[in-house]
Amino acid sequence: VGKFQLTDIPPAPRGTPQIEVTFDIDANGILNVSAKDLGTGKEQKITITASSGLSKEDIEKMKQDAETHADEDKQRREEVDLRNSADNLVYQSEKLMKENGDKISGDKKSAVEEGNNELKEALKGSDTNAIKAATEKLQQVVQDASGDIYKAAQEAQAAGAAEPSGDDTPDGDEPSKKDEGPIIDAEVVEEKTN
């Protein structure tokens, strides 16, 4: 029906740019579409009027074609979603290895790299079953590797807690606090007598 491009958006890491898209249909059937990059403030707009030049027969034919091909469209969408999910997993696993590779054991690190390469190869083809299998394998090895990261963090935390803090006074200079019973929160109200 109409096309426009939002250009001059600076390069940024995946997921960082925020684009606000607005669709507005007025009472006359005129569609106004605008897209704005929230980071740069750049904006593009397009107005599409009701006089698209399509007859009612053309519109009906398009509706029937859409209904006829609905299953194909659904299958294609699932494939695209699977590819996007797999591509995102590749990106996340590479980021994980780059940022935390030193905390992951060698065998798990090589398993992640191997799974990553297998998924990249599967994405080059069109076999969705191969992509699914490679995605599931990479998810599993990334999960295992993430366990090493959390284990290393817990060990570092435990080692930090075992060190003396320096706040203790072994000389007994400060009196130790005694258990003074439960703490009760109360409010005192004065009554006036006449």
C-alpha atoms as a PDB file:
ATOM      1  CA  VAL A   1       0.000   0.000   0.000  1.00  0.00           C
ATOM      2  CA  GLY A   2       2.901   2.322   0.790  1.00  0.00           C
ATOM      3  CA  LYS A   3       6.566   2.270   1.792  1.00  0.00           C
ATOM      4  CA  PHE A   4       8.985   4.567   3.563  1.00  0.00           C
ATOM      5  CA  GLN A   5      12.396   4.167   5.162  1.00  0.00           C
ATOM      6  CA  LEU A   6      13.669   5.430   8.473  1.00  0.00           C
ATOM      7  CA  THR A   7      17.289   6.244   7.636  1.00  0.00           C
ATOM      8  CA  ASP A   8      20.344   7.730   9.360  1.00  0.00           C
ATOM      9  CA  ILE A   9      20.033   5.594  12.484  1.00  0.00           C
ATOM     10  CA  PRO A  10      23.535   5.207  13.957  1.00  0.00           C
ATOM     11  CA  PRO A  11      24.904   1.674  14.356  1.00  0.00           C
ATOM     12  CA  ALA A  12      24.163   0.220  17.781  1.00  0.00           C
ATOM     13  CA  PRO A  13      24.213  -3.182  19.506  1.00  0.00           C
ATOM     14  CA  ARG A  14      21.278  -5.466  18.847  1.00  0.00           C
ATOM     15  CA  GLY A  15      18.181  -4.507  20.794  1.00  0.00           C
ATOM     16  CA  THR A  16      19.429  -1.020  21.672  1.00  0.00           C
ATOM     17  CA  PRO A  17      17.622   1.207  19.113  1.00  0.00           C
ATOM     18  CA  GLN A  18      14.063   2.067  20.055  1.00  0.00           C
ATOM     19  CA  ILE A  19      11.678   2.864  17.228  1.00  0.00           C
ATOM     20  CA  GLU A  20       8.215   4.197  17.974  1.00  0.00           C
ATOM     21  CA  VAL A  21       5.730   3.376  15.201  1.00  0.00           C
ATOM     22  CA  THR A  22       2.311   5.034  15.158  1.00  0.00           C
ATOM     23  CA  PHE A  23      -0.684   4.099  12.991  1.00  0.00           C
ATOM     24  CA  ASP A  24      -3.580   6.560  12.843  1.00  0.00           C
ATOM     25  CA  ILE A  25      -6.739   6.091  10.770  1.00  0.00           C
ATOM     26  CA  ASP A  26      -9.009   9.105  10.649  1.00  0.00           C
ATOM     27  CA  ALA A  27     -12.774   9.202   9.980  1.00  0.00           C
ATOM     28  CA  ASN A  28     -12.211   9.554   6.218  1.00  0.00           C
ATOM     29  CA  GLY A  29     -10.214   6.308   6.026  1.00  0.00           C
ATOM     30  CA  ILE A  30      -6.889   8.086   5.614  1.00  0.00           C
ATOM     31  CA  LEU A  31      -4.025   6.176   7.202  1.00  0.00           C
ATOM     32  CA  ASN A  32      -1.131   8.111   8.696  1.00  0.00           C
ATOM     33  CA  VAL A  33       1.934   6.080   9.634  1.00  0.00           C
ATOM     34  CA  SER A  34       4.956   7.550  11.397  1.00  0.00           C
ATOM     35  CA  ALA A  35       8.158   5.999  12.690  1.00  0.00           C
ATOM     36  CA  LYS A  36      10.487   7.810  15.080  1.00  0.00           C
ATOM     37  CA  ASP A  37      13.892   6.757  16.401  1.00  0.00           C
ATOM     38  CA  LEU A  38      13.753   7.716  20.078  1.00  0.00           C
ATOM     39  CA  GLY A  39      17.535   7.974  20.321  1.00  0.00           C
ATOM     40  CA  THR A  40      18.164  10.424  17.473  1.00  0.00           C
ATOM     41  CA  GLY A  41      14.713  11.941  17.124  1.00  0.00           C
ATOM     42  CA  LYS A  42      14.704  11.187  13.379  1.00  0.00           C
ATOM     43  CA  GLU A  43      11.198  10.663  12.049  1.00  0.00           C
ATOM     44  CA  GLN A  44       9.530   9.583   8.816  1.00  0.00           C
ATOM     45  CA  LYS A  45       5.837   9.788   7.921  1.00  0.00           C
ATOM     46  CA  ILE A  46       3.583   8.565   5.153  1.00  0.00           C
ATOM     47  CA  THR A  47      -0.077   9.247   4.439  1.00  0.00           C
ATOM     48  CA  ILE A  48      -2.154   6.701   2.575  1.00  0.00           C
ATOM     49  CA  THR A  49      -5.520   7.844   1.283  1.00  0.00           C
ATOM     50  CA  ALA A  50      -8.556   5.683   0.621  1.00  0.00           C
ATOM     51  CA  SER A  51      -8.243   6.085  -3.144  1.00  0.00           C
ATOM     52  CA  SER A  52      -5.902   3.150  -3.591  1.00  0.00           C
ATOM     53  CA  GLY A  53      -7.262   2.350  -7.046  1.00  0.00           C
ATOM     54  CA  LEU A  54      -8.386  -1.169  -6.096  1.00  0.00           C
ATOM     55  CA  SER A  55     -11.861  -2.285  -7.039  1.00  0.00           C
ATOM     56  CA  LYS A  56     -14.037  -4.306  -4.666  1.00  0.00           C
ATOM     57  CA  GLU A  57     -13.396  -7.388  -6.834  1.00  0.00           C
ATOM     58  CA  ASP A  58      -9.632  -6.914  -6.490  1.00  0.00           C
ATOM     59  CA  ILE A  59      -9.967  -6.568  -2.733  1.00  0.00           C
ATOM     60  CA  GLU A  60     -12.120  -9.726  -2.503  1.00  0.00           C
ATOM     61  CA  LYS A  61      -9.596 -11.634  -4.643  1.00  0.00           C
ATOM     62  CA  MET A  62      -6.784 -10.508  -2.341  1.00  0.00           C
ATOM     63  CA  LYS A  63      -8.763 -11.652   0.718  1.00  0.00           C
ATOM     64  CA  GLN A  64      -9.380 -15.069  -0.842  1.00  0.00           C
ATOM     65  CA  ASP A  65      -5.697 -15.390  -1.770  1.00  0.00           C
ATOM     66  CA  ALA A  66      -4.756 -14.531   1.803  1.00  0.00           C
ATOM     67  CA  GLU A  67      -7.122 -17.185   3.172  1.00  0.00           C
ATOM     68  CA  THR A  68      -5.872 -19.750   0.643  1.00  0.00           C
ATOM     69  CA  HIS A  69      -2.253 -19.182   1.590  1.00  0.00           C
ATOM     70  CA  ALA A  70      -2.818 -18.794   5.346  1.00  0.00           C
ATOM     71  CA  ASP A  71      -1.205 -22.161   6.181  1.00  0.00           C
ATOM     72  CA  GLU A  72       1.836 -21.391   4.027  1.00  0.00           C
ATOM     73  CA  ASP A  73       2.123 -17.977   5.652  1.00  0.00           C
ATOM     74  CA  LYS A  74       1.893 -19.534   9.126  1.00  0.00           C
ATOM     75  CA  GLN A  75       4.584 -22.078   8.272  1.00  0.00           C
ATOM     76  CA  ARG A  76       6.829 -19.359   6.837  1.00  0.00           C
ATOM     77  CA  ARG A  77       6.328 -17.222   9.944  1.00  0.00           C
ATOM     78  CA  GLU A  78       7.281 -20.140  12.196  1.00  0.00           C
ATOM     79  CA  GLU A  79      10.408 -20.678  10.111  1.00  0.00           C
ATOM     80  CA  VAL A  80      11.326 -16.995  10.322  1.00  0.00           C
ATOM     81  CA  ASP A  81      10.710 -16.969  14.097  1.00  0.00           C
ATOM     82  CA  LEU A  82      12.864 -20.092  14.466  1.00  0.00           C
ATOM     83  CA  ARG A  83      15.665 -18.514  12.418  1.00  0.00           C
ATOM     84  CA  ASN A  84      15.481 -15.265  14.406  1.00  0.00           C
ATOM     85  CA  SER A  85      15.537 -17.170  17.683  1.00  0.00           C
ATOM     86  CA  ALA A  86      18.496 -19.286  16.519  1.00  0.00           C
ATOM     87  CA  ASP A  87      20.371 -16.220  15.280  1.00  0.00           C
ATOM     88  CA  ASN A  88      19.790 -14.506  18.619  1.00  0.00           C
ATOM     89  CA  LEU A  89      21.056 -17.594  20.457  1.00  0.00           C
ATOM     90  CA  VAL A  90      24.252 -17.549  18.367  1.00  0.00           C
ATOM     91  CA  TYR A  91      24.737 -13.874  19.240  1.00  0.00           C
ATOM     92  CA  GLN A  92      24.061 -14.429  22.958  1.00  0.00           C
ATOM     93  CA  SER A  93      26.364 -17.452  23.187  1.00  0.00           C
ATOM     94  CA  GLU A  94      29.199 -15.555  21.483  1.00  0.00           C
ATOM     95  CA  LYS A  95      28.650 -12.657  23.884  1.00  0.00           C
ATOM     96  CA  LEU A  96      28.646 -15.068  26.844  1.00  0.00           C
ATOM     97  CA  MET A  97      31.956 -16.586  25.732  1.00  0.00           C
ATOM     98  CA  LYS A  98      33.520 -13.185  25.136  1.00  0.00           C
ATOM     99  CA  GLU A  99      32.496 -11.765  28.518  1.00  0.00           C
ATOM    100  CA  ASN A 100      32.795 -14.876  30.713  1.00  0.00           C
ATOM    101  CA  GLY A 101      35.008 -17.323  28.825  1.00  0.00           C
ATOM    102  CA  ASP A 102      37.598 -17.294  31.608  1.00  0.00           C
ATOM    103  CA  LYS A 103      35.032 -18.633  34.112  1.00  0.00           C
ATOM    104  CA  ILE A 104      33.989 -21.614  31.967  1.00  0.00           C
ATOM    105  CA  SER A 105      35.821 -24.946  31.968  1.00  0.00           C
ATOM    106  CA  GLY A 106      37.670 -25.920  28.785  1.00  0.00           C
ATOM    107  CA  ASP A 107      35.406 -28.820  27.801  1.00  0.00           C
ATOM    108  CA  LYS A 108      32.235 -26.756  28.216  1.00  0.00           C
ATOM    109  CA  LYS A 109      33.818 -23.853  26.364  1.00  0.00           C
ATOM    110  CA  SER A 110      34.647 -26.093  23.398  1.00  0.00           C
ATOM    111  CA  ALA A 111      31.118 -27.599  23.536  1.00  0.00           C
ATOM    112  CA  VAL A 112      29.600 -24.109  23.269  1.00  0.00           C
ATOM    113  CA  GLU A 113      31.899 -23.196  20.375  1.00  0.00           C
ATOM    114  CA  GLU A 114      31.084 -26.480  18.613  1.00  0.00           C
ATOM    115  CA  GLY A 115      27.334 -25.997  19.145  1.00  0.00           C
ATOM    116  CA  ASN A 116      27.609 -22.432  17.936  1.00  0.00           C
ATOM    117  CA  ASN A 117      29.363 -23.529  14.728  1.00  0.00           C
ATOM    118  CA  GLU A 118      26.781 -26.288  14.137  1.00  0.00           C
ATOM    119  CA  LEU A 119      23.925 -23.813  14.492  1.00  0.00           C
ATOM    120  CA  LYS A 120      25.601 -21.325  12.150  1.00  0.00           C
ATOM    121  CA  GLU A 121      25.942 -24.102   9.542  1.00  0.00           C
ATOM    122  CA  ALA A 122      22.311 -25.148  10.019  1.00  0.00           C
ATOM    123  CA  LEU A 123      21.210 -21.532   9.516  1.00  0.00           C
ATOM    124  CA  LYS A 124      22.925 -21.497   6.110  1.00  0.00           C
ATOM    125  CA  GLY A 125      20.518 -24.216   4.934  1.00  0.00           C
ATOM    126  CA  SER A 126      16.731 -24.418   4.832  1.00  0.00           C
ATOM    127  CA  ASP A 127      16.167 -27.562   6.935  1.00  0.00           C
ATOM    128  CA  THR A 128      14.098 -26.361   9.904  1.00  0.00           C
ATOM    129  CA  ASN A 129      14.527 -29.685  11.728  1.00  0.00           C
ATOM    130  CA  ALA A 130      18.318 -29.279  11.603  1.00  0.00           C
ATOM    131  CA  ILE A 131      17.988 -25.712  12.890  1.00  0.00           C
ATOM    132  CA  LYS A 132      15.720 -26.869  15.743  1.00  0.00           C
ATOM    133  CA  ALA A 133      18.094 -29.688  16.716  1.00  0.00           C
ATOM    134  CA  ALA A 134      21.162 -27.423  16.621  1.00  0.00           C
ATOM    135  CA  THR A 135      19.304 -24.738  18.596  1.00  0.00           C
ATOM    136  CA  GLU A 136      18.296 -27.197  21.313  1.00  0.00           C
ATOM    137  CA  LYS A 137      21.842 -28.552  21.534  1.00  0.00           C
ATOM    138  CA  LEU A 138      23.357 -25.072  21.821  1.00  0.00           C
ATOM    139  CA  GLN A 139      20.765 -24.057  24.442  1.00  0.00           C
ATOM    140  CA  GLN A 140      21.738 -27.078  26.534  1.00  0.00           C
ATOM    141  CA  VAL A 141      25.507 -26.496  26.368  1.00  0.00           C
ATOM    142  CA  VAL A 142      25.059 -22.761  27.040  1.00  0.00           C
ATOM    143  CA  GLN A 143      22.979 -23.649  30.088  1.00  0.00           C
ATOM    144  CA  ASP A 144      25.717 -26.000  31.304  1.00  0.00           C
ATOM    145  CA  ALA A 145      28.367 -23.324  30.732  1.00  0.00           C
ATOM    146  CA  SER A 146      26.261 -20.753  32.576  1.00  0.00           C
ATOM    147  CA  GLY A 147      26.309 -23.092  35.563  1.00  0.00           C
ATOM    148  CA  ASP A 148      30.115 -22.741  35.655  1.00  0.00           C
ATOM    149  CA  ILE A 149      29.786 -18.944  35.671  1.00  0.00           C
ATOM    150  CA  TYR A 150      27.408 -18.990  38.639  1.00  0.00           C
ATOM    151  CA  LYS A 151      29.535 -21.563  40.426  1.00  0.00           C
ATOM    152  CA  ALA A 152      32.609 -19.320  40.009  1.00  0.00           C
ATOM    153  CA  ALA A 153      30.631 -16.346  41.334  1.00  0.00           C
ATOM    154  CA  GLN A 154      29.501 -18.327  44.388  1.00  0.00           C
ATOM    155  CA  GLU A 155      33.047 -19.492  45.087  1.00  0.00           C
ATOM    156  CA  ALA A 156      34.333 -15.923  44.827  1.00  0.00           C
ATOM    157  CA  GLN A 157      31.591 -14.766  47.163  1.00  0.00           C
ATOM    158  CA  ALA A 158      32.367 -17.535  49.656  1.00  0.00           C
ATOM    159  CA  ALA A 159      36.082 -16.709  49.541  1.00  0.00           C
ATOM    160  CA  GLY A 160      35.285 -13.044  50.186  1.00  0.00           C
ATOM    161  CA  ALA A 161      33.088 -13.929  53.161  1.00  0.00           C
ATOM    162  CA  ALA A 162      35.795 -16.146  54.699  1.00  0.00           C
ATOM    163  CA  GLU A 163      38.317 -13.293  54.900  1.00  0.00           C
ATOM    164  CA  PRO A 164      38.339 -11.316  58.161  1.00  0.00           C
ATOM    165  CA  SER A 165      36.650  -7.978  57.743  1.00  0.00           C
ATOM    166  CA  GLY A 166      38.787  -5.991  60.205  1.00  0.00           C
ATOM    167  CA  ASP A 167      35.718  -4.670  62.042  1.00  0.00           C
ATOM    168  CA  ASP A 168      35.989  -7.257  64.815  1.00  0.00           C
ATOM    169  CA  THR A 169      37.558  -6.109  68.078  1.00  0.00           C
ATOM    170  CA  PRO A 170      39.317  -9.085  69.632  1.00  0.00           C
ATOM    171  CA  ASP A 171      40.563  -6.970  72.564  1.00  0.00           C
ATOM    172  CA  GLY A 172      37.091  -6.737  74.010  1.00  0.00           C
ATOM    173  CA  ASP A 173      37.110  -2.928  73.991  1.00  0.00           C
ATOM    174  CA  GLU A 174      33.455  -2.744  73.041  1.00  0.00           C
ATOM    175  CA  PRO A 175      30.846  -4.274  75.278  1.00  0.00           C
ATOM    176  CA  SER A 176      28.839  -6.979  73.602  1.00  0.00           C
ATOM    177  CA  LYS A 177      25.140  -6.368  73.118  1.00  0.00           C
ATOM    178  CA  LYS A 178      22.835  -8.425  75.251  1.00  0.00           C
ATOM    179  CA  ASP A 179      19.534  -9.809  74.079  1.00  0.00           C
ATOM    180  CA  GLU A 180      17.108  -7.226  75.392  1.00  0.00           C
ATOM    181  CA  GLY A 181      13.926  -9.046  74.325  1.00  0.00           C
ATOM    182  CA  PRO A 182      11.607  -8.420  71.428  1.00  0.00           C
ATOM    183  CA  ILE A 183      11.285  -4.991  69.858  1.00  0.00           C
ATOM    184  CA  ILE A 184       7.767  -3.609  70.035  1.00  0.00           C
ATOM    185  CA  ASP A 185       6.583  -0.748  67.871  1.00  0.00           C
ATOM    186  CA  ALA A 186       3.927   1.284  69.681  1.00  0.00           C
ATOM    187  CA  GLU A 187       2.299   4.691  69.614  1.00  0.00           C
ATOM    188  CA  VAL A 188       1.533   6.726  72.741  1.00  0.00           C
ATOM    189  CA  VAL A 189      -1.773   8.562  72.698  1.00  0.00           C
ATOM    190  CA  GLU A 190      -2.707  11.094  75.383  1.00  0.00           C
ATOM    191  CA  GLU A 191      -6.320  11.300  76.389  1.00  0.00           C
ATOM    192  CA  LYS A 192      -7.718  14.661  77.401  1.00  0.00           C
ATOM    193  CA  THR A 193     -10.059  14.760  80.356  1.00  0.00           C
ATOM    194  CA  ASN A 194     -12.604  17.533  80.759  1.00  0.00           C
END
